[in-house]
Amino acid sequence: MEKRENRLFKKVGHRVPRAVRALCAALSFILPTIFTSVAFAGDCDSSMEMQPALLTATLNVHGREPVKTALPVRPASEIIVFATEHGIDVTLEVTDTAGTVLARGDSPTRRTGVQRVRFTTRAGQHYFVVVTGKEHADAKGSVALRAVDRGTSVKSSCLNAQRLLANADQAYATGQAVSRAPRCGRWGAGHRQ
C-alpha cells in the first residue's frame, strides 16, 4: 500500500507546476506564524473596535458599482482599514487623489468577511477608500468601514496579527485580480500551441 501511495505522489508531483509547489512551501512557513500571532492576540477583535478610529462609516453597495469615501489621515502614519461585509462580496481599495491604487484587499470569506488593507501615508496627500461589489447587478448589501492609525494603538500582539491578516488579504486580492483578468483566445495569452 505504501509503495502505491508513493508512486501516486510522485506522479502527481510531476504534474504540479513549480510555482504552486513553491507557494505551498511558503504558506507552510507563513500560516503557522499567522495562527501563532492570532493565538497570542486572543482578546483582539476582527476590526480593533477598542482602538480610536480615524474613520467609521457604513457604505451601501449595489452590484459592481464602486463606492468612494474620503479617508482622514495623519502624515507619515501606518493605517489599517477594515471593511466588514454585510450581505455582499466586495473588494477594498485605498487610492490617492489621482486614483492610483495604493493598497487592495479581498477575503475568501464571501458576504460576511472582514477585509483589511494597510498602507503608509505621506504628507500633503489625500486618500480615499473605495469599495467595489463583486456580485451581480441586483445585489445589495452594506460594508462597515473602520480605519485605525497603528501609531495610536497600544496592543502590539493584536496589531501584528492584524498586519499579517492585511498582508494575507492583499495577497488574496492580487490572486483574484489575476484570475479575473481578461484572457486572450481560448487558453489565454501565455498558452503556446
N, C-alpha and C. Protein backbone atom coordinates (compact mmCIF):
# COMPACT_ATOMS: atom_id res chain seq x y z
N MET A 1 0.82 -1.19 0.00
CA MET A 1 0.00 0.00 0.00
C MET A 1 0.86 1.26 0.00
N GLU A 2 1.94 1.26 0.79
CA GLU A 2 2.80 2.42 0.90
C GLU A 2 3.49 2.72 -0.43
N LYS A 3 3.91 1.69 -1.16
CA LYS A 3 4.56 1.90 -2.46
C LYS A 3 3.59 2.53 -3.44
N ARG A 4 2.32 2.11 -3.39
CA ARG A 4 1.32 2.66 -4.28
C ARG A 4 1.11 4.15 -4.00
N GLU A 5 1.05 4.51 -2.72
CA GLU A 5 0.89 5.91 -2.35
C GLU A 5 2.08 6.74 -2.81
N ASN A 6 3.28 6.23 -2.62
CA ASN A 6 4.48 6.96 -3.05
C ASN A 6 4.48 7.16 -4.55
N ARG A 7 4.10 6.13 -5.31
CA ARG A 7 4.04 6.27 -6.78
C ARG A 7 3.01 7.33 -7.17
N LEU A 8 1.88 7.33 -6.50
CA LEU A 8 0.84 8.32 -6.80
C LEU A 8 1.34 9.73 -6.51
N PHE A 9 1.98 9.94 -5.37
CA PHE A 9 2.50 11.26 -5.03
C PHE A 9 3.57 11.70 -6.04
N LYS A 10 4.42 10.79 -6.47
CA LYS A 10 5.44 11.15 -7.46
C LYS A 10 4.79 11.51 -8.79
N LYS A 11 3.76 10.76 -9.17
CA LYS A 11 3.08 11.04 -10.44
C LYS A 11 2.40 12.41 -10.39
N VAL A 12 1.71 12.69 -9.30
CA VAL A 12 1.04 13.98 -9.14
C VAL A 12 2.06 15.10 -9.03
N GLY A 13 3.15 14.85 -8.32
CA GLY A 13 4.19 15.87 -8.13
C GLY A 13 4.79 16.36 -9.42
N HIS A 14 4.92 15.49 -10.43
CA HIS A 14 5.47 15.90 -11.72
C HIS A 14 4.50 16.78 -12.50
N ARG A 15 3.22 16.67 -12.20
CA ARG A 15 2.22 17.46 -12.92
C ARG A 15 1.94 18.81 -12.28
N VAL A 16 2.33 18.98 -11.05
CA VAL A 16 2.09 20.24 -10.33
C VAL A 16 3.21 21.22 -10.69
N PRO A 17 2.86 22.41 -11.19
CA PRO A 17 3.89 23.39 -11.55
C PRO A 17 4.76 23.78 -10.36
N ARG A 18 5.99 24.13 -10.64
CA ARG A 18 6.93 24.52 -9.59
C ARG A 18 6.43 25.69 -8.78
N ALA A 19 5.76 26.64 -9.44
CA ALA A 19 5.27 27.82 -8.74
C ALA A 19 4.26 27.42 -7.66
N VAL A 20 3.39 26.46 -7.96
CA VAL A 20 2.40 26.01 -6.99
C VAL A 20 3.09 25.31 -5.83
N ARG A 21 4.09 24.48 -6.13
CA ARG A 21 4.83 23.79 -5.07
C ARG A 21 5.55 24.81 -4.18
N ALA A 22 6.14 25.84 -4.81
CA ALA A 22 6.85 26.87 -4.04
C ALA A 22 5.87 27.65 -3.16
N LEU A 23 4.68 27.96 -3.71
CA LEU A 23 3.67 28.67 -2.94
C LEU A 23 3.23 27.84 -1.73
N CYS A 24 3.01 26.55 -1.94
CA CYS A 24 2.61 25.67 -0.83
C CYS A 24 3.71 25.61 0.24
N ALA A 25 4.95 25.54 -0.21
CA ALA A 25 6.06 25.50 0.75
C ALA A 25 6.12 26.81 1.54
N ALA A 26 5.95 27.94 0.85
CA ALA A 26 5.99 29.24 1.54
C ALA A 26 4.84 29.36 2.54
N LEU A 27 3.64 28.92 2.14
CA LEU A 27 2.49 29.00 3.03
C LEU A 27 2.66 28.11 4.25
N SER A 28 3.38 26.99 4.09
CA SER A 28 3.58 26.11 5.24
C SER A 28 4.44 26.78 6.31
N PHE A 29 5.23 27.78 5.94
CA PHE A 29 6.00 28.52 6.93
C PHE A 29 5.25 29.76 7.43
N ILE A 30 4.48 30.39 6.54
CA ILE A 30 3.79 31.64 6.88
C ILE A 30 2.56 31.39 7.74
N LEU A 31 1.74 30.41 7.39
CA LEU A 31 0.48 30.19 8.10
C LEU A 31 0.67 29.88 9.59
N PRO A 32 1.63 29.04 9.97
CA PRO A 32 1.81 28.85 11.42
C PRO A 32 2.16 30.14 12.15
N THR A 33 2.90 31.01 11.49
CA THR A 33 3.24 32.30 12.09
C THR A 33 1.99 33.13 12.30
N ILE A 34 1.10 33.15 11.31
CA ILE A 34 -0.14 33.91 11.41
C ILE A 34 -0.98 33.36 12.55
N PHE A 35 -1.17 32.04 12.58
CA PHE A 35 -2.02 31.46 13.60
C PHE A 35 -1.41 31.59 14.99
N THR A 36 -0.09 31.57 15.09
CA THR A 36 0.56 31.79 16.38
C THR A 36 0.31 33.21 16.85
N SER A 37 0.43 34.19 15.95
CA SER A 37 0.19 35.58 16.32
C SER A 37 -1.25 35.81 16.73
N VAL A 38 -2.18 35.17 16.00
CA VAL A 38 -3.58 35.33 16.33
C VAL A 38 -3.86 34.70 17.70
N ALA A 39 -3.22 33.58 17.99
CA ALA A 39 -3.43 32.93 19.28
C ALA A 39 -2.93 33.81 20.42
N PHE A 40 -1.84 34.51 20.21
CA PHE A 40 -1.33 35.40 21.24
C PHE A 40 -2.20 36.64 21.39
N ALA A 41 -2.99 36.94 20.38
CA ALA A 41 -3.86 38.11 20.42
C ALA A 41 -5.30 37.67 20.64
N GLY A 42 -5.51 36.84 21.65
CA GLY A 42 -6.82 36.27 21.90
C GLY A 42 -7.90 37.29 22.20
N ASP A 43 -7.55 38.44 22.79
CA ASP A 43 -8.55 39.45 23.10
C ASP A 43 -8.65 40.51 22.00
N CYS A 44 -8.14 40.21 20.84
CA CYS A 44 -8.14 41.13 19.70
C CYS A 44 -9.36 40.84 18.82
N ASP A 45 -10.22 41.83 18.61
CA ASP A 45 -11.38 41.60 17.75
C ASP A 45 -11.02 41.87 16.29
N SER A 46 -11.89 41.50 15.38
CA SER A 46 -11.58 41.49 13.96
C SER A 46 -11.36 42.87 13.34
N SER A 47 -11.86 43.94 13.94
CA SER A 47 -11.64 45.27 13.37
C SER A 47 -11.16 46.28 14.41
N MET A 48 -10.54 45.79 15.47
CA MET A 48 -9.93 46.63 16.50
C MET A 48 -10.90 47.69 17.02
N GLU A 49 -12.08 47.26 17.42
CA GLU A 49 -13.13 48.16 17.90
C GLU A 49 -12.72 48.96 19.13
N MET A 50 -11.80 48.45 19.92
CA MET A 50 -11.41 49.13 21.16
C MET A 50 -10.40 50.26 20.91
N GLN A 51 -9.87 50.35 19.71
CA GLN A 51 -8.88 51.38 19.39
C GLN A 51 -9.57 52.63 18.82
N PRO A 52 -8.99 53.81 19.03
CA PRO A 52 -9.57 55.02 18.43
C PRO A 52 -9.51 54.95 16.91
N ALA A 53 -10.58 55.37 16.25
CA ALA A 53 -10.68 55.26 14.80
C ALA A 53 -10.54 56.62 14.12
N LEU A 54 -9.87 56.61 12.97
CA LEU A 54 -9.81 57.80 12.13
C LEU A 54 -11.08 57.93 11.30
N LEU A 55 -11.68 56.78 10.99
CA LEU A 55 -12.88 56.75 10.16
C LEU A 55 -13.77 55.60 10.61
N THR A 56 -15.04 55.88 10.77
CA THR A 56 -16.06 54.84 10.91
C THR A 56 -17.21 55.26 10.02
N ALA A 57 -17.62 54.36 9.14
CA ALA A 57 -18.70 54.67 8.21
C ALA A 57 -19.33 53.37 7.74
N THR A 58 -20.58 53.47 7.32
CA THR A 58 -21.27 52.34 6.70
C THR A 58 -21.65 52.76 5.30
N LEU A 59 -21.22 51.96 4.33
CA LEU A 59 -21.49 52.26 2.92
C LEU A 59 -22.47 51.24 2.36
N ASN A 60 -23.46 51.73 1.60
CA ASN A 60 -24.39 50.84 0.91
C ASN A 60 -23.80 50.55 -0.47
N VAL A 61 -23.73 49.26 -0.81
CA VAL A 61 -23.12 48.83 -2.07
C VAL A 61 -24.18 48.14 -2.91
N HIS A 62 -24.24 48.50 -4.19
CA HIS A 62 -25.19 47.92 -5.13
C HIS A 62 -24.42 47.35 -6.31
N GLY A 63 -24.57 46.05 -6.54
CA GLY A 63 -23.94 45.39 -7.69
C GLY A 63 -22.44 45.59 -7.71
N ARG A 64 -21.94 46.02 -8.86
CA ARG A 64 -20.49 46.22 -9.03
C ARG A 64 -20.10 47.69 -9.06
N GLU A 65 -20.99 48.54 -8.59
CA GLU A 65 -20.71 49.97 -8.57
C GLU A 65 -19.74 50.31 -7.44
N PRO A 66 -18.63 51.00 -7.74
CA PRO A 66 -17.71 51.40 -6.68
C PRO A 66 -18.30 52.52 -5.81
N VAL A 67 -18.03 52.44 -4.52
CA VAL A 67 -18.46 53.47 -3.57
C VAL A 67 -17.18 54.02 -2.94
N LYS A 68 -17.05 55.35 -2.98
CA LYS A 68 -15.81 56.01 -2.55
C LYS A 68 -16.09 56.96 -1.40
N THR A 69 -15.20 56.97 -0.40
CA THR A 69 -15.31 57.91 0.70
C THR A 69 -13.92 58.40 1.09
N ALA A 70 -13.86 59.67 1.53
CA ALA A 70 -12.58 60.26 1.92
C ALA A 70 -12.07 59.61 3.20
N LEU A 71 -10.76 59.50 3.31
CA LEU A 71 -10.12 58.91 4.47
C LEU A 71 -9.24 59.95 5.15
N PRO A 72 -9.66 60.47 6.30
CA PRO A 72 -8.83 61.45 7.01
C PRO A 72 -7.65 60.74 7.68
N VAL A 73 -6.44 61.21 7.41
CA VAL A 73 -5.25 60.57 7.96
C VAL A 73 -4.27 61.61 8.47
N ARG A 74 -3.32 61.14 9.25
CA ARG A 74 -2.20 61.96 9.69
C ARG A 74 -1.02 61.64 8.79
N PRO A 75 -0.14 62.61 8.52
CA PRO A 75 1.03 62.32 7.67
C PRO A 75 1.98 61.34 8.35
N ALA A 76 2.64 60.55 7.52
CA ALA A 76 3.65 59.58 7.97
C ALA A 76 3.12 58.61 9.02
N SER A 77 1.96 58.07 8.77
CA SER A 77 1.35 57.10 9.67
C SER A 77 1.10 55.80 8.92
N GLU A 78 1.12 54.69 9.65
CA GLU A 78 0.70 53.43 9.04
C GLU A 78 -0.75 53.21 9.44
N ILE A 79 -1.60 53.07 8.44
CA ILE A 79 -3.04 52.96 8.64
C ILE A 79 -3.49 51.55 8.26
N ILE A 80 -4.39 51.00 9.05
CA ILE A 80 -5.07 49.76 8.68
C ILE A 80 -6.54 50.09 8.52
N VAL A 81 -7.09 49.74 7.34
CA VAL A 81 -8.50 49.96 7.06
C VAL A 81 -9.20 48.60 7.09
N PHE A 82 -10.31 48.54 7.80
CA PHE A 82 -11.11 47.32 7.91
C PHE A 82 -12.43 47.53 7.19
N ALA A 83 -12.87 46.53 6.45
CA ALA A 83 -14.18 46.56 5.80
C ALA A 83 -14.91 45.28 6.16
N THR A 84 -16.00 45.41 6.91
CA THR A 84 -16.80 44.25 7.31
C THR A 84 -17.99 44.15 6.38
N GLU A 85 -18.07 43.05 5.64
CA GLU A 85 -19.13 42.84 4.65
C GLU A 85 -20.42 42.40 5.35
N HIS A 86 -21.54 42.91 4.84
CA HIS A 86 -22.86 42.50 5.32
C HIS A 86 -23.73 42.22 4.10
N GLY A 87 -23.72 40.97 3.64
CA GLY A 87 -24.61 40.55 2.57
C GLY A 87 -24.11 40.76 1.16
N ILE A 88 -22.90 41.25 0.97
CA ILE A 88 -22.36 41.44 -0.38
C ILE A 88 -20.85 41.22 -0.35
N ASP A 89 -20.33 40.62 -1.41
CA ASP A 89 -18.90 40.37 -1.52
C ASP A 89 -18.25 41.57 -2.21
N VAL A 90 -17.21 42.12 -1.62
CA VAL A 90 -16.58 43.34 -2.15
C VAL A 90 -15.06 43.21 -2.19
N THR A 91 -14.45 44.14 -2.93
CA THR A 91 -13.01 44.35 -2.91
C THR A 91 -12.78 45.72 -2.27
N LEU A 92 -11.80 45.79 -1.39
CA LEU A 92 -11.46 47.02 -0.67
C LEU A 92 -10.19 47.60 -1.26
N GLU A 93 -10.20 48.89 -1.56
CA GLU A 93 -9.02 49.57 -2.09
C GLU A 93 -8.82 50.91 -1.38
N VAL A 94 -7.55 51.33 -1.32
CA VAL A 94 -7.21 52.67 -0.88
C VAL A 94 -6.52 53.34 -2.06
N THR A 95 -7.00 54.54 -2.43
CA THR A 95 -6.44 55.27 -3.56
C THR A 95 -6.00 56.66 -3.13
N ASP A 96 -5.18 57.28 -3.97
CA ASP A 96 -4.83 58.68 -3.73
C ASP A 96 -5.71 59.56 -4.60
N THR A 97 -5.45 60.87 -4.62
CA THR A 97 -6.30 61.79 -5.37
C THR A 97 -6.25 61.54 -6.87
N ALA A 98 -5.14 60.98 -7.37
CA ALA A 98 -5.02 60.69 -8.80
C ALA A 98 -5.74 59.39 -9.18
N GLY A 99 -6.24 58.65 -8.19
CA GLY A 99 -6.92 57.40 -8.46
C GLY A 99 -6.01 56.19 -8.48
N THR A 100 -4.74 56.38 -8.13
CA THR A 100 -3.79 55.28 -8.08
C THR A 100 -4.11 54.39 -6.89
N VAL A 101 -4.21 53.09 -7.14
CA VAL A 101 -4.50 52.14 -6.06
C VAL A 101 -3.22 51.93 -5.26
N LEU A 102 -3.27 52.26 -3.97
CA LEU A 102 -2.12 52.12 -3.09
C LEU A 102 -2.14 50.80 -2.33
N ALA A 103 -3.34 50.29 -2.08
CA ALA A 103 -3.49 49.01 -1.37
C ALA A 103 -4.82 48.40 -1.77
N ARG A 104 -4.83 47.09 -1.88
CA ARG A 104 -6.06 46.37 -2.24
C ARG A 104 -6.19 45.15 -1.35
N GLY A 105 -7.40 44.91 -0.85
CA GLY A 105 -7.64 43.75 0.00
C GLY A 105 -8.90 43.03 -0.42
N ASP A 106 -8.88 41.72 -0.24
CA ASP A 106 -10.04 40.88 -0.51
C ASP A 106 -9.95 39.69 0.42
N SER A 107 -11.07 39.10 0.71
CA SER A 107 -11.11 37.96 1.62
C SER A 107 -11.81 36.79 0.95
N PRO A 108 -11.34 35.57 1.21
CA PRO A 108 -12.04 34.41 0.64
C PRO A 108 -13.39 34.15 1.30
N THR A 109 -13.66 34.78 2.43
CA THR A 109 -14.96 34.64 3.09
C THR A 109 -15.93 35.61 2.43
N ARG A 110 -16.90 35.08 1.70
CA ARG A 110 -17.80 35.92 0.92
C ARG A 110 -18.98 36.41 1.75
N ARG A 111 -19.32 37.68 1.56
CA ARG A 111 -20.51 38.34 2.09
C ARG A 111 -20.56 38.55 3.61
N THR A 112 -19.63 37.97 4.35
CA THR A 112 -19.63 38.18 5.80
C THR A 112 -18.22 38.38 6.34
N GLY A 113 -17.22 38.46 5.47
CA GLY A 113 -15.84 38.54 5.91
C GLY A 113 -15.41 39.95 6.29
N VAL A 114 -14.24 40.01 6.90
CA VAL A 114 -13.59 41.28 7.21
C VAL A 114 -12.36 41.36 6.33
N GLN A 115 -12.25 42.45 5.59
CA GLN A 115 -11.09 42.66 4.74
C GLN A 115 -10.26 43.77 5.34
N ARG A 116 -8.96 43.65 5.14
CA ARG A 116 -8.03 44.63 5.70
C ARG A 116 -7.04 45.07 4.64
N VAL A 117 -6.68 46.34 4.68
CA VAL A 117 -5.54 46.84 3.90
C VAL A 117 -4.72 47.71 4.83
N ARG A 118 -3.44 47.75 4.56
CA ARG A 118 -2.58 48.64 5.34
C ARG A 118 -1.69 49.40 4.38
N PHE A 119 -1.40 50.62 4.74
CA PHE A 119 -0.54 51.47 3.91
C PHE A 119 0.03 52.57 4.78
N THR A 120 1.08 53.21 4.26
CA THR A 120 1.73 54.31 4.97
C THR A 120 1.39 55.61 4.25
N THR A 121 0.99 56.61 5.02
CA THR A 121 0.59 57.89 4.44
C THR A 121 1.82 58.78 4.22
N ARG A 122 1.62 59.77 3.35
CA ARG A 122 2.65 60.78 3.09
C ARG A 122 2.05 62.16 3.31
N ALA A 123 2.88 63.09 3.68
CA ALA A 123 2.42 64.47 3.92
C ALA A 123 1.90 65.08 2.62
N GLY A 124 0.83 65.82 2.71
CA GLY A 124 0.29 66.54 1.57
C GLY A 124 -0.59 65.69 0.66
N GLN A 125 -0.85 64.46 0.97
CA GLN A 125 -1.68 63.59 0.14
C GLN A 125 -3.07 63.45 0.76
N HIS A 126 -4.05 63.24 -0.10
CA HIS A 126 -5.41 62.91 0.34
C HIS A 126 -5.69 61.49 -0.10
N TYR A 127 -6.41 60.75 0.73
CA TYR A 127 -6.65 59.33 0.47
C TYR A 127 -8.14 59.04 0.49
N PHE A 128 -8.50 57.98 -0.25
CA PHE A 128 -9.89 57.56 -0.35
C PHE A 128 -9.99 56.05 -0.19
N VAL A 129 -11.08 55.62 0.42
CA VAL A 129 -11.40 54.20 0.49
C VAL A 129 -12.44 53.93 -0.59
N VAL A 130 -12.18 52.91 -1.41
CA VAL A 130 -13.09 52.54 -2.48
C VAL A 130 -13.51 51.09 -2.26
N VAL A 131 -14.81 50.88 -2.17
CA VAL A 131 -15.38 49.54 -2.01
C VAL A 131 -16.15 49.22 -3.28
N THR A 132 -15.82 48.10 -3.91
CA THR A 132 -16.45 47.70 -5.16
C THR A 132 -17.05 46.31 -5.01
N GLY A 133 -18.33 46.18 -5.32
CA GLY A 133 -19.00 44.89 -5.24
C GLY A 133 -18.51 43.93 -6.31
N LYS A 134 -18.54 42.64 -5.99
CA LYS A 134 -18.14 41.60 -6.94
C LYS A 134 -19.33 40.72 -7.32
N GLU A 135 -20.52 41.18 -7.00
CA GLU A 135 -21.73 40.39 -7.20
C GLU A 135 -22.43 40.81 -8.51
N HIS A 136 -23.58 40.21 -8.76
CA HIS A 136 -24.41 40.56 -9.92
C HIS A 136 -25.01 41.95 -9.73
N ALA A 137 -25.56 42.51 -10.78
CA ALA A 137 -26.03 43.90 -10.77
C ALA A 137 -27.13 44.17 -9.75
N ASP A 138 -27.94 43.18 -9.41
CA ASP A 138 -29.05 43.39 -8.47
C ASP A 138 -28.66 43.19 -7.01
N ALA A 139 -27.43 42.81 -6.75
CA ALA A 139 -27.00 42.53 -5.37
C ALA A 139 -26.95 43.82 -4.56
N LYS A 140 -27.36 43.71 -3.30
CA LYS A 140 -27.32 44.85 -2.39
C LYS A 140 -26.79 44.39 -1.06
N GLY A 141 -26.05 45.26 -0.42
CA GLY A 141 -25.52 44.96 0.90
C GLY A 141 -24.85 46.21 1.45
N SER A 142 -24.20 46.05 2.58
CA SER A 142 -23.50 47.18 3.18
C SER A 142 -22.13 46.74 3.67
N VAL A 143 -21.29 47.72 3.85
CA VAL A 143 -19.94 47.48 4.34
C VAL A 143 -19.65 48.48 5.45
N ALA A 144 -19.25 47.97 6.60
CA ALA A 144 -18.86 48.82 7.72
C ALA A 144 -17.37 49.08 7.63
N LEU A 145 -16.99 50.34 7.46
CA LEU A 145 -15.58 50.73 7.35
C LEU A 145 -15.06 51.23 8.69
N ARG A 146 -13.80 50.95 8.92
CA ARG A 146 -13.13 51.44 10.12
C ARG A 146 -11.65 51.57 9.79
N ALA A 147 -11.06 52.72 10.09
CA ALA A 147 -9.63 52.94 9.85
C ALA A 147 -8.96 53.26 11.18
N VAL A 148 -7.81 52.61 11.42
CA VAL A 148 -7.08 52.76 12.67
C VAL A 148 -5.64 53.15 12.35
N ASP A 149 -5.13 54.14 13.06
CA ASP A 149 -3.73 54.54 12.94
C ASP A 149 -2.92 53.64 13.87
N ARG A 150 -1.97 52.91 13.30
CA ARG A 150 -1.18 51.98 14.11
C ARG A 150 -0.37 52.70 15.18
N GLY A 151 -0.05 53.97 14.97
CA GLY A 151 0.74 54.72 15.94
C GLY A 151 -0.01 55.01 17.23
N THR A 152 -1.35 55.07 17.17
CA THR A 152 -2.13 55.37 18.37
C THR A 152 -2.64 54.12 19.05
N SER A 153 -2.36 52.97 18.49
CA SER A 153 -2.83 51.72 19.07
C SER A 153 -1.84 51.22 20.10
N VAL A 154 -2.33 50.46 21.07
CA VAL A 154 -1.48 50.06 22.17
C VAL A 154 -1.08 48.59 22.17
N LYS A 155 -1.90 47.70 21.71
CA LYS A 155 -1.65 46.27 21.85
C LYS A 155 -0.84 45.76 20.67
N SER A 156 0.43 45.48 20.88
CA SER A 156 1.31 45.10 19.77
C SER A 156 0.97 43.73 19.21
N SER A 157 0.55 42.76 20.04
CA SER A 157 0.23 41.43 19.51
C SER A 157 -0.99 41.50 18.61
N CYS A 158 -1.96 42.31 18.96
CA CYS A 158 -3.15 42.48 18.12
C CYS A 158 -2.77 43.17 16.82
N LEU A 159 -1.95 44.21 16.91
CA LEU A 159 -1.51 44.91 15.71
C LEU A 159 -0.74 44.00 14.77
N ASN A 160 0.14 43.18 15.33
CA ASN A 160 0.91 42.26 14.49
C ASN A 160 -0.01 41.26 13.81
N ALA A 161 -1.01 40.76 14.53
CA ALA A 161 -1.96 39.83 13.92
C ALA A 161 -2.74 40.51 12.80
N GLN A 162 -3.18 41.75 13.03
CA GLN A 162 -3.94 42.48 12.01
C GLN A 162 -3.06 42.79 10.79
N ARG A 163 -1.80 43.10 11.02
CA ARG A 163 -0.88 43.37 9.93
C ARG A 163 -0.70 42.12 9.06
N LEU A 164 -0.54 40.96 9.70
CA LEU A 164 -0.40 39.72 8.96
C LEU A 164 -1.67 39.38 8.18
N LEU A 165 -2.82 39.62 8.80
CA LEU A 165 -4.07 39.38 8.09
C LEU A 165 -4.25 40.34 6.93
N ALA A 166 -3.81 41.59 7.08
CA ALA A 166 -3.87 42.55 5.97
C ALA A 166 -2.97 42.10 4.83
N ASN A 167 -1.79 41.58 5.15
CA ASN A 167 -0.90 41.05 4.10
C ASN A 167 -1.55 39.88 3.38
N ALA A 168 -2.22 39.02 4.13
CA ALA A 168 -2.91 37.87 3.53
C ALA A 168 -4.05 38.33 2.63
N ASP A 169 -4.82 39.33 3.07
CA ASP A 169 -5.91 39.86 2.25
C ASP A 169 -5.37 40.51 0.97
N GLN A 170 -4.21 41.16 1.08
CA GLN A 170 -3.62 41.77 -0.11
C GLN A 170 -3.15 40.68 -1.09
N ALA A 171 -2.56 39.62 -0.58
CA ALA A 171 -2.12 38.52 -1.44
C ALA A 171 -3.32 37.86 -2.12
N TYR A 172 -4.40 37.67 -1.38
CA TYR A 172 -5.61 37.08 -1.96
C TYR A 172 -6.19 38.00 -3.04
N ALA A 173 -6.21 39.31 -2.78
CA ALA A 173 -6.73 40.27 -3.77
C ALA A 173 -5.89 40.24 -5.03
N THR A 174 -4.58 40.10 -4.90
CA THR A 174 -3.71 40.03 -6.07
C THR A 174 -4.03 38.77 -6.88
N GLY A 175 -4.21 37.65 -6.20
CA GLY A 175 -4.57 36.42 -6.88
C GLY A 175 -5.92 36.52 -7.57
N GLN A 176 -6.89 37.15 -6.92
CA GLN A 176 -8.20 37.33 -7.52
C GLN A 176 -8.12 38.23 -8.76
N ALA A 177 -7.31 39.27 -8.70
CA ALA A 177 -7.17 40.17 -9.85
C ALA A 177 -6.58 39.43 -11.04
N VAL A 178 -5.63 38.56 -10.78
CA VAL A 178 -5.02 37.78 -11.87
C VAL A 178 -6.02 36.80 -12.45
N SER A 179 -6.77 36.11 -11.58
CA SER A 179 -7.71 35.10 -12.08
C SER A 179 -8.92 35.72 -12.76
N ARG A 180 -9.26 36.96 -12.44
CA ARG A 180 -10.39 37.64 -13.08
C ARG A 180 -10.00 38.45 -14.31
N ALA A 181 -8.70 38.54 -14.59
CA ALA A 181 -8.23 39.34 -15.73
C ALA A 181 -8.73 38.72 -17.03
N PRO A 182 -9.04 39.55 -18.02
CA PRO A 182 -9.48 39.02 -19.31
C PRO A 182 -8.36 38.20 -19.97
N ARG A 183 -8.76 37.14 -20.62
CA ARG A 183 -7.79 36.27 -21.28
C ARG A 183 -7.87 36.45 -22.79
N CYS A 184 -6.78 36.17 -23.45
CA CYS A 184 -6.72 36.27 -24.90
C CYS A 184 -6.92 34.87 -25.49
N GLY A 185 -7.83 34.75 -26.41
CA GLY A 185 -8.02 33.48 -27.10
C GLY A 185 -8.62 32.42 -26.19
N ARG A 186 -8.50 31.18 -26.64
CA ARG A 186 -9.12 30.07 -25.92
C ARG A 186 -8.41 29.72 -24.63
N TRP A 187 -7.07 29.73 -24.63
CA TRP A 187 -6.31 29.30 -23.46
C TRP A 187 -5.59 30.43 -22.74
N GLY A 188 -5.75 31.63 -23.17
CA GLY A 188 -5.06 32.74 -22.51
C GLY A 188 -3.82 33.15 -23.27
N ALA A 189 -3.22 34.24 -22.84
CA ALA A 189 -2.09 34.83 -23.56
C ALA A 189 -0.83 33.98 -23.46
N GLY A 190 -0.64 33.25 -22.36
CA GLY A 190 0.60 32.53 -22.16
C GLY A 190 0.62 31.14 -22.80
N HIS A 191 -0.45 30.70 -23.41
CA HIS A 191 -0.51 29.34 -23.95
C HIS A 191 0.10 29.27 -25.34
N ARG A 192 0.92 28.28 -25.55
CA ARG A 192 1.52 28.05 -26.88
C ARG A 192 0.92 26.80 -27.47
N GLN A 193 0.71 26.82 -28.75
CA GLN A 193 0.16 25.64 -29.41
C GLN A 193 1.21 24.89 -30.14
